[in-house]
C-alpha atoms as a PDB file:
ATOM      1  CA  MET A   1      12.701 -19.448  -8.750  1.00  0.00           C
ATOM      2  CA  LEU A   2      11.204 -16.597  -6.903  1.00  0.00           C
ATOM      3  CA  LYS A   3      10.821 -17.761  -3.267  1.00  0.00           C
ATOM      4  CA  LYS A   4      12.229 -15.250  -0.659  1.00  0.00           C
ATOM      5  CA  VAL A   5      10.915 -11.721  -0.903  1.00  0.00           C
ATOM      6  CA  VAL A   6      12.134  -8.852   1.235  1.00  0.00           C
ATOM      7  CA  LEU A   7      10.449  -5.493   1.528  1.00  0.00           C
ATOM      8  CA  LEU A   8      12.431  -2.560   2.680  1.00  0.00           C
ATOM      9  CA  ALA A   9      10.568  -0.176   5.111  1.00  0.00           C
ATOM     10  CA  LEU A  10      12.400   3.074   4.896  1.00  0.00           C
ATOM     11  CA  PRO A  11      11.539   6.343   6.899  1.00  0.00           C
ATOM     12  CA  HIS A  12       8.523   8.148   5.585  1.00  0.00           C
ATOM     13  CA  VAL A  13       7.457   5.246   3.492  1.00  0.00           C
ATOM     14  CA  ALA A  14       4.178   5.641   1.405  1.00  0.00           C
ATOM     15  CA  PRO A  15       1.675   3.229   3.038  1.00  0.00           C
ATOM     16  CA  PHE A  16      -0.246   2.352  -0.277  1.00  0.00           C
ATOM     17  CA  GLU A  17       2.971   1.481  -2.195  1.00  0.00           C
ATOM     18  CA  PHE A  18       4.190  -0.416   0.692  1.00  0.00           C
ATOM     19  CA  GLY A  19       0.907  -2.250   1.024  1.00  0.00           C
ATOM     20  CA  VAL A  20       0.988  -3.164  -2.733  1.00  0.00           C
ATOM     21  CA  VAL A  21       4.056  -5.252  -2.201  1.00  0.00           C
ATOM     22  CA  CYS A  22       2.597  -6.749   0.855  1.00  0.00           C
ATOM     23  CA  GLU A  23      -0.600  -7.655  -0.940  1.00  0.00           C
ATOM     24  CA  VAL A  24       1.139  -9.325  -3.866  1.00  0.00           C
ATOM     25  CA  PHE A  25       3.955 -11.208  -2.100  1.00  0.00           C
ATOM     26  CA  GLY A  26       2.844 -11.348   1.492  1.00  0.00           C
ATOM     27  CA  ILE A  27      -0.377 -13.387   1.376  1.00  0.00           C
ATOM     28  CA  ASP A  28      -0.263 -17.282   1.074  1.00  0.00           C
ATOM     29  CA  ARG A  29      -2.594 -18.064  -1.816  1.00  0.00           C
ATOM     30  CA  SER A  30      -1.711 -21.836  -2.108  1.00  0.00           C
ATOM     31  CA  ASP A  31      -5.298 -22.671  -1.223  1.00  0.00           C
ATOM     32  CA  MET A  32      -6.347 -21.099  -4.444  1.00  0.00           C
ATOM     33  CA  GLY A  33      -3.547 -22.618  -6.558  1.00  0.00           C
ATOM     34  CA  GLY A  34      -1.514 -19.627  -6.211  1.00  0.00           C
ATOM     35  CA  PRO A  35       1.968 -18.959  -4.791  1.00  0.00           C
ATOM     36  CA  ALA A  36       3.254 -18.593  -1.240  1.00  0.00           C
ATOM     37  CA  PHE A  37       6.493 -16.628  -0.640  1.00  0.00           C
ATOM     38  CA  ASP A  38       8.867 -16.396   2.261  1.00  0.00           C
ATOM     39  CA  PHE A  39       8.050 -12.772   2.886  1.00  0.00           C
ATOM     40  CA  HIS A  40      10.029 -10.457   5.175  1.00  0.00           C
ATOM     41  CA  ILE A  41       9.667  -6.707   6.013  1.00  0.00           C
ATOM     42  CA  VAL A  42      12.969  -5.332   7.121  1.00  0.00           C
ATOM     43  CA  THR A  43      14.566  -2.020   8.057  1.00  0.00           C
ATOM     44  CA  PRO A  44      18.117  -0.856   8.772  1.00  0.00           C
ATOM     45  CA  GLU A  45      17.295   0.037  12.423  1.00  0.00           C
ATOM     46  CA  PRO A  46      14.463  -2.246  13.709  1.00  0.00           C
ATOM     47  CA  GLY A  47      11.897  -0.321  15.631  1.00  0.00           C
ATOM     48  CA  PRO A  48       9.403   2.396  14.801  1.00  0.00           C
ATOM     49  CA  VAL A  49       9.444   3.455  11.058  1.00  0.00           C
ATOM     50  CA  SER A  50       7.595   6.672  10.166  1.00  0.00           C
ATOM     51  CA  THR A  51       5.082   6.767   7.190  1.00  0.00           C
ATOM     52  CA  SER A  52       4.211   9.671   4.885  1.00  0.00           C
ATOM     53  CA  LEU A  53       0.782   9.903   6.579  1.00  0.00           C
ATOM     54  CA  GLY A  54       2.262  10.585  10.042  1.00  0.00           C
ATOM     55  CA  TYR A  55       1.775   7.365  11.827  1.00  0.00           C
ATOM     56  CA  THR A  56       4.526   4.770  12.536  1.00  0.00           C
ATOM     57  CA  MET A  57       4.896   1.122  11.923  1.00  0.00           C
ATOM     58  CA  LEU A  58       6.793  -1.308  14.269  1.00  0.00           C
ATOM     59  CA  ILE A  59       9.279  -3.163  12.108  1.00  0.00           C
ATOM     60  CA  THR A  60      11.285  -5.887  14.135  1.00  0.00           C
ATOM     61  CA  GLU A  61      13.490  -7.492  11.512  1.00  0.00           C
ATOM     62  CA  GLY A  62      16.810  -6.143  10.291  1.00  0.00           C
ATOM     63  CA  LEU A  63      18.476  -6.236   7.015  1.00  0.00           C
ATOM     64  CA  ALA A  64      20.169  -9.663   7.524  1.00  0.00           C
ATOM     65  CA  ALA A  65      17.161 -11.291   5.895  1.00  0.00           C
ATOM     66  CA  ALA A  66      17.898  -9.527   2.682  1.00  0.00           C
ATOM     67  CA  ASP A  67      21.278 -11.299   2.261  1.00  0.00           C
ATOM     68  CA  ASP A  68      19.809 -14.265   0.460  1.00  0.00           C
ATOM     69  CA  ALA A  69      16.675 -12.753  -0.891  1.00  0.00           C
ATOM     70  CA  ASP A  70      15.406 -13.529  -4.325  1.00  0.00           C
ATOM     71  CA  LEU A  71      13.671 -10.272  -4.508  1.00  0.00           C
ATOM     72  CA  ILE A  72      14.207  -6.941  -2.715  1.00  0.00           C
ATOM     73  CA  ALA A  73      11.442  -4.489  -3.158  1.00  0.00           C
ATOM     74  CA  VAL A  74      11.712  -0.635  -2.318  1.00  0.00           C
ATOM     75  CA  PRO A  75       8.366   1.165  -2.023  1.00  0.00           C
ATOM     76  CA  ALA A  76       7.867   4.935  -2.304  1.00  0.00           C
ATOM     77  CA  HIS A  77       9.282   7.212   0.295  1.00  0.00           C
ATOM     78  CA  LEU A  78      10.488  10.776   0.805  1.00  0.00           C
ATOM     79  CA  ILE A  79      13.048  11.561  -1.902  1.00  0.00           C
ATOM     80  CA  ASP A  80      15.122  14.108  -0.087  1.00  0.00           C
ATOM     81  CA  GLN A  81      16.141  11.847   2.791  1.00  0.00           C
ATOM     82  CA  PRO A  82      19.631  10.211   3.097  1.00  0.00           C
ATOM     83  CA  VAL A  83      19.886   6.464   2.178  1.00  0.00           C
ATOM     84  CA  HIS A  84      21.254   4.321   5.026  1.00  0.00           C
ATOM     85  CA  PRO A  85      24.702   3.003   3.896  1.00  0.00           C
ATOM     86  CA  GLU A  86      23.483  -0.573   4.825  1.00  0.00           C
ATOM     87  CA  VAL A  87      20.638  -0.277   2.483  1.00  0.00           C
ATOM     88  CA  VAL A  88      23.158   0.751  -0.328  1.00  0.00           C
ATOM     89  CA  ARG A  89      25.271  -2.409   0.557  1.00  0.00           C
ATOM     90  CA  VAL A  90      22.278  -4.805   0.544  1.00  0.00           C
ATOM     91  CA  LEU A  91      21.056  -3.479  -2.847  1.00  0.00           C
ATOM     92  CA  ARG A  92      24.532  -3.717  -4.412  1.00  0.00           C
ATOM     93  CA  GLU A  93      25.095  -7.172  -3.106  1.00  0.00           C
ATOM     94  CA  ALA A  94      21.645  -8.330  -4.473  1.00  0.00           C
ATOM     95  CA  GLU A  95      22.521  -6.928  -7.877  1.00  0.00           C
ATOM     96  CA  ALA A  96      25.829  -8.657  -7.864  1.00  0.00           C
ATOM     97  CA  ARG A  97      24.407 -12.112  -7.169  1.00  0.00           C
ATOM     98  CA  GLY A  98      21.635 -11.608  -9.796  1.00  0.00           C
ATOM     99  CA  ALA A  99      18.620 -11.277  -7.433  1.00  0.00           C
ATOM    100  CA  TRP A 100      15.714  -9.203  -8.508  1.00  0.00           C
ATOM    101  CA  ILE A 101      15.236  -5.656  -7.379  1.00  0.00           C
ATOM    102  CA  LEU A 102      12.031  -3.743  -7.597  1.00  0.00           C
ATOM    103  CA  SER A 103      11.091  -0.160  -6.930  1.00  0.00           C
ATOM    104  CA  VAL A 104       7.555   1.338  -6.775  1.00  0.00           C
ATOM    105  CA  CYS A 105       7.259   5.098  -7.479  1.00  0.00           C
ATOM    106  CA  SER A 106       9.903   7.300  -5.812  1.00  0.00           C
ATOM    107  CA  GLY A 107      11.714   4.130  -4.498  1.00  0.00           C
ATOM    108  CA  ALA A 108      13.645   4.410  -7.719  1.00  0.00           C
ATOM    109  CA  PHE A 109      15.687   7.174  -6.159  1.00  0.00           C
ATOM    110  CA  THR A 110      16.992   4.811  -3.558  1.00  0.00           C
ATOM    111  CA  LEU A 111      18.037   2.471  -6.351  1.00  0.00           C
ATOM    112  CA  ALA A 112      19.688   5.390  -8.025  1.00  0.00           C
ATOM    113  CA  VAL A 113      21.631   6.456  -5.024  1.00  0.00           C
ATOM    114  CA  ALA A 114      22.981   2.813  -4.705  1.00  0.00           C
ATOM    115  CA  GLY A 115      24.098   3.013  -8.372  1.00  0.00           C
ATOM    116  CA  ILE A 116      21.674   0.216  -9.340  1.00  0.00           C
ATOM    117  CA  LEU A 117      20.226   2.322 -12.148  1.00  0.00           C
ATOM    118  CA  ASP A 118      23.483   3.314 -13.813  1.00  0.00           C
ATOM    119  CA  GLY A 119      23.449   2.327 -17.366  1.00  0.00           C
ATOM    120  CA  ARG A 120      19.978   1.030 -17.116  1.00  0.00           C
ATOM    121  CA  THR A 121      16.532   2.341 -18.247  1.00  0.00           C
ATOM    122  CA  ALA A 122      14.135   3.042 -15.450  1.00  0.00           C
ATOM    123  CA  THR A 123      10.943   4.878 -14.602  1.00  0.00           C
ATOM    124  CA  THR A 124       9.293   6.587 -11.608  1.00  0.00           C
ATOM    125  CA  HIS A 125       6.130   8.619 -11.043  1.00  0.00           C
ATOM    126  CA  TRP A 126       5.773  11.200 -13.968  1.00  0.00           C
ATOM    127  CA  MET A 127       5.887  14.006 -11.297  1.00  0.00           C
ATOM    128  CA  HIS A 128       9.400  12.950 -10.385  1.00  0.00           C
ATOM    129  CA  ALA A 129      10.745  11.740 -13.813  1.00  0.00           C
ATOM    130  CA  ALA A 130      12.456  14.855 -14.790  1.00  0.00           C
ATOM    131  CA  ARG A 131      14.284  15.039 -11.443  1.00  0.00           C
ATOM    132  CA  LEU A 132      15.403  11.481 -11.605  1.00  0.00           C
ATOM    133  CA  ALA A 133      16.870  12.098 -15.114  1.00  0.00           C
ATOM    134  CA  ALA A 134      18.588  15.232 -13.953  1.00  0.00           C
ATOM    135  CA  ASP A 135      19.958  13.944 -10.816  1.00  0.00           C
ATOM    136  CA  TYR A 136      21.238  10.597 -12.235  1.00  0.00           C
ATOM    137  CA  PRO A 137      22.299  11.203 -15.871  1.00  0.00           C
ATOM    138  CA  LEU A 138      23.677   7.672 -16.149  1.00  0.00           C
ATOM    139  CA  THR A 139      20.135   6.414 -15.913  1.00  0.00           C
ATOM    140  CA  VAL A 140      17.847   6.455 -19.084  1.00  0.00           C
ATOM    141  CA  VAL A 141      14.556   7.607 -17.682  1.00  0.00           C
ATOM    142  CA  ASN A 142      11.311   6.639 -19.444  1.00  0.00           C
ATOM    143  CA  PRO A 143       8.404   8.732 -18.107  1.00  0.00           C
ATOM    144  CA  ASP A 144       5.763   7.234 -20.324  1.00  0.00           C
ATOM    145  CA  VAL A 145       5.432   3.574 -19.196  1.00  0.00           C
ATOM    146  CA  LEU A 146       3.933   1.823 -16.139  1.00  0.00           C
ATOM    147  CA  PHE A 147       7.130  -0.162 -15.339  1.00  0.00           C
ATOM    148  CA  VAL A 148      10.423  -1.023 -16.897  1.00  0.00           C
ATOM    149  CA  GLU A 149      12.442  -4.258 -16.525  1.00  0.00           C
ATOM    150  CA  ASP A 150      16.156  -3.987 -17.183  1.00  0.00           C
ATOM    151  CA  ARG A 151      18.378  -6.948 -16.331  1.00  0.00           C
ATOM    152  CA  HIS A 152      16.702  -8.039 -13.205  1.00  0.00           C
ATOM    153  CA  VAL A 153      15.871  -4.537 -12.020  1.00  0.00           C
ATOM    154  CA  ILE A 154      12.130  -3.434 -12.298  1.00  0.00           C
ATOM    155  CA  SER A 155      11.183   0.246 -11.576  1.00  0.00           C
ATOM    156  CA  SER A 156       7.546   1.162 -11.646  1.00  0.00           C
ATOM    157  CA  ALA A 157       5.678   4.435 -12.122  1.00  0.00           C
ATOM    158  CA  GLY A 158       3.375   6.048  -9.464  1.00  0.00           C
ATOM    159  CA  THR A 159       1.145   4.141  -6.835  1.00  0.00           C
ATOM    160  CA  ALA A 160      -1.007   1.569  -8.567  1.00  0.00           C
ATOM    161  CA  ALA A 161       1.694   0.919 -11.248  1.00  0.00           C
ATOM    162  CA  GLY A 162       3.492  -1.012  -8.455  1.00  0.00           C
ATOM    163  CA  ILE A 163       0.686  -3.628  -8.823  1.00  0.00           C
ATOM    164  CA  ASP A 164       1.442  -4.000 -12.607  1.00  0.00           C
ATOM    165  CA  ALA A 165       5.248  -4.326 -11.878  1.00  0.00           C
ATOM    166  CA  CYS A 166       4.764  -6.988  -9.145  1.00  0.00           C
ATOM    167  CA  LEU A 167       2.253  -9.057 -11.332  1.00  0.00           C
ATOM    168  CA  HIS A 168       4.821  -8.806 -14.153  1.00  0.00           C
ATOM    169  CA  LEU A 169       7.474 -10.210 -11.960  1.00  0.00           C
ATOM    170  CA  VAL A 170       5.245 -13.025 -10.730  1.00  0.00           C
ATOM    171  CA  ARG A 171       4.265 -13.752 -14.336  1.00  0.00           C
ATOM    172  CA  THR A 172       7.934 -13.763 -15.522  1.00  0.00           C
ATOM    173  CA  GLU A 173       9.034 -16.183 -12.649  1.00  0.00           C
ATOM    174  CA  LEU A 174       6.024 -18.339 -11.977  1.00  0.00           C
ATOM    175  CA  GLY A 175       3.874 -18.129 -15.091  1.00  0.00           C
ATOM    176  CA  ALA A 176       0.556 -16.407 -16.144  1.00  0.00           C
ATOM    177  CA  ALA A 177      -1.626 -18.771 -13.967  1.00  0.00           C
ATOM    178  CA  ALA A 178       0.183 -17.739 -10.697  1.00  0.00           C
ATOM    179  CA  ALA A 179      -0.266 -13.976 -11.638  1.00  0.00           C
ATOM    180  CA  ASN A 180      -3.861 -14.467 -12.531  1.00  0.00           C
ATOM    181  CA  VAL A 181      -4.616 -15.984  -9.186  1.00  0.00           C
ATOM    182  CA  ILE A 182      -3.153 -13.004  -7.414  1.00  0.00           C
ATOM    183  CA  ALA A 183      -4.900 -10.592  -9.817  1.00  0.00           C
ATOM    184  CA  ARG A 184      -8.225 -12.141  -9.228  1.00  0.00           C
ATOM    185  CA  ARG A 185      -7.860 -12.123  -5.448  1.00  0.00           C
ATOM    186  CA  MET A 186      -6.900  -8.421  -5.727  1.00  0.00           C
ATOM    187  CA  VAL A 187      -9.701  -7.673  -8.160  1.00  0.00           C
ATOM    188  CA  VAL A 188      -7.307  -6.018 -10.743  1.00  0.00           C
ATOM    189  CA  PRO A 189      -6.599  -6.923 -14.390  1.00  0.00           C
ATOM    190  CA  PRO A 190      -3.615  -9.288 -14.776  1.00  0.00           C
ATOM    191  CA  GLN A 191      -2.114  -6.948 -17.254  1.00  0.00           C
ATOM    192  CA  ARG A 192      -2.902  -3.365 -18.141  1.00  0.00           C
ATOM    193  CA  SER A 193      -2.410  -1.728 -21.441  1.00  0.00           C
ATOM    194  CA  GLY A 194      -0.987   1.809 -21.887  1.00  0.00           C
ATOM    195  CA  GLY A 195       1.372   3.878 -19.844  1.00  0.00           C
ATOM    196  CA  GLN A 196       1.428   6.633 -17.236  1.00  0.00           C
ATOM    197  CA  SER A 197       1.329   9.364 -19.923  1.00  0.00           C
ATOM    198  CA  GLN A 198      -2.401   8.771 -20.049  1.00  0.00           C
ATOM    199  CA  TYR A 199      -2.674  10.014 -16.534  1.00  0.00           C
ATOM    200  CA  ILE A 200      -0.639  13.300 -16.987  1.00  0.00           C
ATOM    201  CA  ALA A 201      -2.959  16.448 -16.878  1.00  0.00           C
ATOM    202  CA  THR A 202      -3.586  17.834 -20.429  1.00  0.00           C
ATOM    203  CA  PRO A 203      -5.329  21.103 -21.435  1.00  0.00           C
ATOM    204  CA  VAL A 204      -8.305  18.998 -22.586  1.00  0.00           C
ATOM    205  CA  ALA A 205      -8.855  15.961 -20.491  1.00  0.00           C
ATOM    206  CA  PRO A 206      -9.352  12.803 -22.629  1.00  0.00           C
ATOM    207  CA  VAL A 207     -12.828  11.192 -22.488  1.00  0.00           C
ATOM    208  CA  GLN A 208     -12.732   7.870 -20.682  1.00  0.00           C
ATOM    209  CA  SER A 209     -15.827   5.656 -20.775  1.00  0.00           C
ATOM    210  CA  ASP A 210     -17.064   2.139 -20.674  1.00  0.00           C
ATOM    211  CA  SER A 211     -18.152   2.337 -24.362  1.00  0.00           C
ATOM    212  CA  PHE A 212     -15.894  -0.492 -25.335  1.00  0.00           C
ATOM    213  CA  ALA A 213     -16.778  -2.973 -22.573  1.00  0.00           C
ATOM    214  CA  ASP A 214     -19.179  -4.912 -24.741  1.00  0.00           C
ATOM    215  CA  VAL A 215     -16.903  -5.063 -27.769  1.00  0.00           C
ATOM    216  CA  THR A 216     -13.809  -6.037 -25.815  1.00  0.00           C
ATOM    217  CA  GLU A 217     -15.740  -8.832 -24.045  1.00  0.00           C
ATOM    218  CA  TRP A 218     -16.817 -10.019 -27.487  1.00  0.00           C
ATOM    219  CA  MET A 219     -13.217  -9.944 -28.684  1.00  0.00           C
ATOM    220  CA  LEU A 220     -12.132 -11.998 -25.679  1.00  0.00           C
ATOM    221  CA  ASN A 221     -14.727 -14.586 -26.408  1.00  0.00           C
ATOM    222  CA  HIS A 222     -13.684 -14.735 -30.088  1.00  0.00           C
ATOM    223  CA  LEU A 223      -9.876 -14.618 -30.007  1.00  0.00           C
ATOM    224  CA  ASP A 224      -9.689 -17.720 -32.298  1.00  0.00           C
ATOM    225  CA  GLN A 225     -11.200 -15.733 -35.151  1.00  0.00           C
ATOM    226  CA  GLU A 226      -9.948 -13.122 -37.553  1.00  0.00           C
ATOM    227  CA  LEU A 227     -11.011  -9.864 -36.014  1.00  0.00           C
ATOM    228  CA  PRO A 228     -10.526  -7.023 -38.468  1.00  0.00           C
ATOM    229  CA  VAL A 229     -10.933  -3.436 -37.207  1.00  0.00           C
ATOM    230  CA  ASP A 230     -13.895  -2.811 -39.705  1.00  0.00           C
ATOM    231  CA  GLU A 231     -15.794  -5.628 -38.138  1.00  0.00           C
ATOM    232  CA  LEU A 232     -14.968  -4.499 -34.647  1.00  0.00           C
ATOM    233  CA  ALA A 233     -16.093  -0.925 -35.610  1.00  0.00           C
ATOM    234  CA  ARG A 234     -19.433  -2.264 -36.910  1.00  0.00           C
ATOM    235  CA  ARG A 235     -20.110  -3.919 -33.669  1.00  0.00           C
ATOM    236  CA  ALA A 236     -19.295  -0.675 -31.842  1.00  0.00           C
ATOM    237  CA  LEU A 237     -21.537   1.304 -34.257  1.00  0.00           C
ATOM    238  CA  MET A 238     -18.612   3.551 -35.490  1.00  0.00           C
ATOM    239  CA  SER A 239     -16.468   4.040 -38.542  1.00  0.00           C
ATOM    240  CA  GLY A 240     -13.260   2.135 -38.725  1.00  0.00           C
ATOM    241  CA  ARG A 241     -11.272   5.375 -38.215  1.00  0.00           C
ATOM    242  CA  THR A 242     -13.296   6.585 -35.240  1.00  0.00           C
ATOM    243  CA  PHE A 243     -13.213   3.111 -33.668  1.00  0.00           C
ATOM    244  CA  ALA A 244      -9.334   3.032 -33.825  1.00  0.00           C
ATOM    245  CA  ARG A 245      -8.976   6.588 -32.559  1.00  0.00           C
ATOM    246  CA  ARG A 246     -11.450   6.190 -29.612  1.00  0.00           C
ATOM    247  CA  PHE A 247     -10.104   2.700 -28.724  1.00  0.00           C
ATOM    248  CA  ARG A 248      -6.587   4.085 -28.237  1.00  0.00           C
ATOM    249  CA  ALA A 249      -7.907   7.014 -26.280  1.00  0.00           C
ATOM    250  CA  ASP A 250      -9.940   4.929 -23.978  1.00  0.00           C
ATOM    251  CA  LEU A 251      -7.579   1.814 -23.697  1.00  0.00           C
ATOM    252  CA  GLY A 252      -4.306   3.300 -24.266  1.00  0.00           C
ATOM    253  CA  THR A 253      -3.264   1.118 -27.116  1.00  0.00           C
ATOM    254  CA  THR A 254      -4.376   0.101 -30.611  1.00  0.00           C
ATOM    255  CA  PRO A 255      -7.020  -2.629 -31.301  1.00  0.00           C
ATOM    256  CA  ALA A 256      -4.346  -4.783 -32.728  1.00  0.00           C
ATOM    257  CA  ALA A 257      -1.853  -4.373 -29.841  1.00  0.00           C
ATOM    258  CA  TRP A 258      -4.668  -5.208 -27.400  1.00  0.00           C
ATOM    259  CA  LEU A 259      -5.590  -8.265 -29.384  1.00  0.00           C
ATOM    260  CA  ASN A 260      -2.063  -9.536 -29.444  1.00  0.00           C
ATOM    261  CA  LYS A 261      -1.680  -9.042 -25.696  1.00  0.00           C
ATOM    262  CA  GLN A 262      -4.860 -10.942 -24.899  1.00  0.00           C
ATOM    263  CA  ARG A 263      -3.975 -13.838 -27.343  1.00  0.00           C
ATOM    264  CA  LEU A 264      -0.514 -14.047 -25.564  1.00  0.00           C
ATOM    265  CA  ILE A 265      -2.208 -14.250 -22.251  1.00  0.00           C
ATOM    266  CA  ARG A 266      -4.630 -16.955 -23.519  1.00  0.00           C
ATOM    267  CA  ALA A 267      -1.775 -18.903 -25.081  1.00  0.00           C
ATOM    268  CA  GLN A 268       0.288 -18.707 -21.794  1.00  0.00           C
ATOM    269  CA  LEU A 269      -2.612 -20.189 -19.917  1.00  0.00           C
ATOM    270  CA  LEU A 270      -3.129 -23.037 -22.452  1.00  0.00           C
ATOM    271  CA  LEU A 271       0.508 -23.834 -22.611  1.00  0.00           C
ATOM    272  CA  GLU A 272       0.466 -24.087 -18.745  1.00  0.00           C
ATOM    273  CA  GLN A 273      -2.783 -25.875 -18.141  1.00  0.00           C
ATOM    274  CA  SER A 274      -3.589 -27.930 -21.266  1.00  0.00           C
ATOM    275  CA  ASP A 275      -2.219 -30.681 -23.315  1.00  0.00           C
ATOM    276  CA  LEU A 276      -3.023 -29.014 -26.602  1.00  0.00           C
ATOM    277  CA  GLY A 277      -0.222 -29.092 -29.252  1.00  0.00           C
ATOM    278  CA  LEU A 278       1.446 -25.969 -30.360  1.00  0.00           C
ATOM    279  CA  GLU A 279      -0.543 -25.681 -33.539  1.00  0.00           C
ATOM    280  CA  SER A 280      -3.789 -26.235 -31.540  1.00  0.00           C
ATOM    281  CA  VAL A 281      -2.856 -23.480 -29.102  1.00  0.00           C
ATOM    282  CA  ALA A 282      -2.114 -21.141 -31.944  1.00  0.00           C
ATOM    283  CA  ALA A 283      -5.571 -21.910 -33.531  1.00  0.00           C
ATOM    284  CA  GLU A 284      -7.422 -21.463 -30.232  1.00  0.00           C
ATOM    285  CA  THR A 285      -5.785 -18.091 -29.598  1.00  0.00           C
ATOM    286  CA  GLY A 286      -6.105 -16.581 -33.050  1.00  0.00           C
ATOM    287  CA  PHE A 287      -2.430 -16.688 -34.013  1.00  0.00           C
ATOM    288  CA  GLY A 288      -3.220 -19.146 -36.811  1.00  0.00           C
ATOM    289  CA  SER A 289       0.009 -21.048 -36.790  1.00  0.00           C
ATOM    290  CA  ALA A 290       2.622 -22.010 -34.441  1.00  0.00           C
ATOM    291  CA  ALA A 291       5.160 -20.125 -36.416  1.00  0.00           C
ATOM    292  CA  VAL A 292       3.285 -16.801 -35.960  1.00  0.00           C
ATOM    293  CA  MET A 293       2.630 -17.620 -32.230  1.00  0.00           C
ATOM    294  CA  ARG A 294       6.370 -18.265 -31.744  1.00  0.00           C
ATOM    295  CA  HIS A 295       7.202 -15.020 -33.423  1.00  0.00           C
ATOM    296  CA  HIS A 296       5.069 -13.102 -30.822  1.00  0.00           C
ATOM    297  CA  PHE A 297       6.395 -15.112 -27.839  1.00  0.00           C
ATOM    298  CA  VAL A 298       9.907 -14.346 -28.746  1.00  0.00           C
ATOM    299  CA  LYS A 299       9.275 -10.701 -29.490  1.00  0.00           C
ATOM    300  CA  VAL A 300       7.251 -10.023 -26.233  1.00  0.00           C
ATOM    301  CA  LEU A 301       8.314 -12.608 -23.750  1.00  0.00           C
ATOM    302  CA  GLY A 302      11.787 -13.345 -24.928  1.00  0.00           C
ATOM    303  CA  THR A 303      11.232 -17.135 -25.147  1.00  0.00           C
ATOM    304  CA  THR A 304       9.536 -19.693 -27.371  1.00  0.00           C
ATOM    305  CA  PRO A 305       6.090 -21.339 -26.618  1.00  0.00           C
ATOM    306  CA  ALA A 306       7.779 -24.791 -26.165  1.00  0.00           C
ATOM    307  CA  ALA A 307      10.310 -23.303 -23.750  1.00  0.00           C
ATOM    308  CA  TYR A 308       7.565 -21.605 -21.936  1.00  0.00           C
ATOM    309  CA  ARG A 309       5.654 -24.827 -21.607  1.00  0.00           C
ATOM    310  CA  ARG A 310       8.681 -26.604 -20.302  1.00  0.00           C
ATOM    311  CA  THR A 311       9.076 -23.987 -17.575  1.00  0.00           C
ATOM    312  CA  PHE A 312       5.544 -23.524 -16.456  1.00  0.00           C
ATOM    313  CA  SER A 313       3.449 -26.412 -17.523  1.00  0.00           C
ATOM    314  CA  VAL A 314       1.441 -27.954 -14.697  1.00  0.00           C
ATOM    315  CA  THR A 315       0.495 -31.112 -16.718  1.00  0.00           C
ATOM    316  CA  ASP A 316       2.350 -34.367 -16.963  1.00  0.00           C
ATOM    317  CA  THR A 317       2.410 -34.418 -20.666  1.00  0.00           C
ATOM    318  CA  ALA A 318       5.954 -34.692 -22.261  1.00  0.00           C
ATOM    319  CA  PRO A 319       6.957 -31.327 -23.926  1.00  0.00           C
ATOM    320  CA  GLU A 320       6.258 -31.125 -27.629  1.00  0.00           C
ATOM    321  CA  PRO A 321       9.472 -30.645 -29.764  1.00  0.00           C
ATOM    322  CA  GLU A 322       9.990 -27.099 -31.109  1.00  0.00           C
ATOM    323  CA  PRO A 323       8.954 -27.045 -34.678  1.00  0.00           C
ATOM    324  CA  THR A 324      11.199 -25.704 -37.413  1.00  0.00           C
ATOM    325  CA  PHE A 325      10.251 -22.253 -38.702  1.00  0.00           C
ATOM    326  CA  ALA A 326      11.241 -19.955 -41.508  1.00  0.00           C
ATOM    327  CA  LEU A 327      14.260 -17.761 -40.641  1.00  0.00           C
ATOM    328  CA  GLY A 328      12.319 -14.660 -41.185  1.00  0.00           C
ATOM    329  CA  LEU A 329      10.187 -15.316 -38.093  1.00  0.00           C
ATOM    330  CA  ARG A 330      13.143 -15.814 -35.793  1.00  0.00           C
ATOM    331  CA  GLN A 331      14.232 -12.964 -33.536  1.00  0.00           C
END
């Protein structure tokens, strides 16, 4: 269970990326039904720590607090600075005991220096991705995603992608309801579609608009129904082909993938907060049957709906037995 969170303050730290971790994990949201973490900000040599914007922060706690942390987070900082050997030790020991490690933007380079990314897939800001791949050839760098989770190590892309990574970790450890409380407080979406490739400059800038706001809101209100692309296109006053192309350009994913993600989010909430049986949850969310819902849970979340409910349910209802499904749906 994610309880103790330690944020590393390293020289020339980027204030926004540093603040993202503070905002997600450093605020007690128990009054809203959200989580409260044992949150620490530490540095190798307590005292003034420089930021990338020229001012300093006074950090009074040393690295000892990281020795039993459930999560160690490394925000963006100047790439070409030496990494303190005690930071390397702390990260390696955290990896060895199975703690979570998370980097935001160029913080991935500190993880790489410590050898944490060897043999793992990782990401960083698209401007630094080629260098990360070149300097650390044992790391598989994916420059086209908002974040990557690989065996308890999460690396995120530039700036705001750190929010996505942090919320993903909260969702993984504490459930969708906890992540949604934090997201609502931060006024951000609980999950974003697409990847950082949509933010890389191209010769012709893609057109971004709110043209799909009405149709996506209607989709969210009708997740329990069949929603073929042709019907959605009619509501958007477009042809099916144009709708699919513009939907992907504006939202970074296909209509089907967007729908599946929203259905998963709704199913997670129902499994956490309601007593509905698995077949009823599947019907309410548009999966049609518990077998289909189970397939998507295993594929995307790596667990079954019944197991998810056992872990995250806030009701007192006894967990429903896992139904038997055709082998073709098992992953």
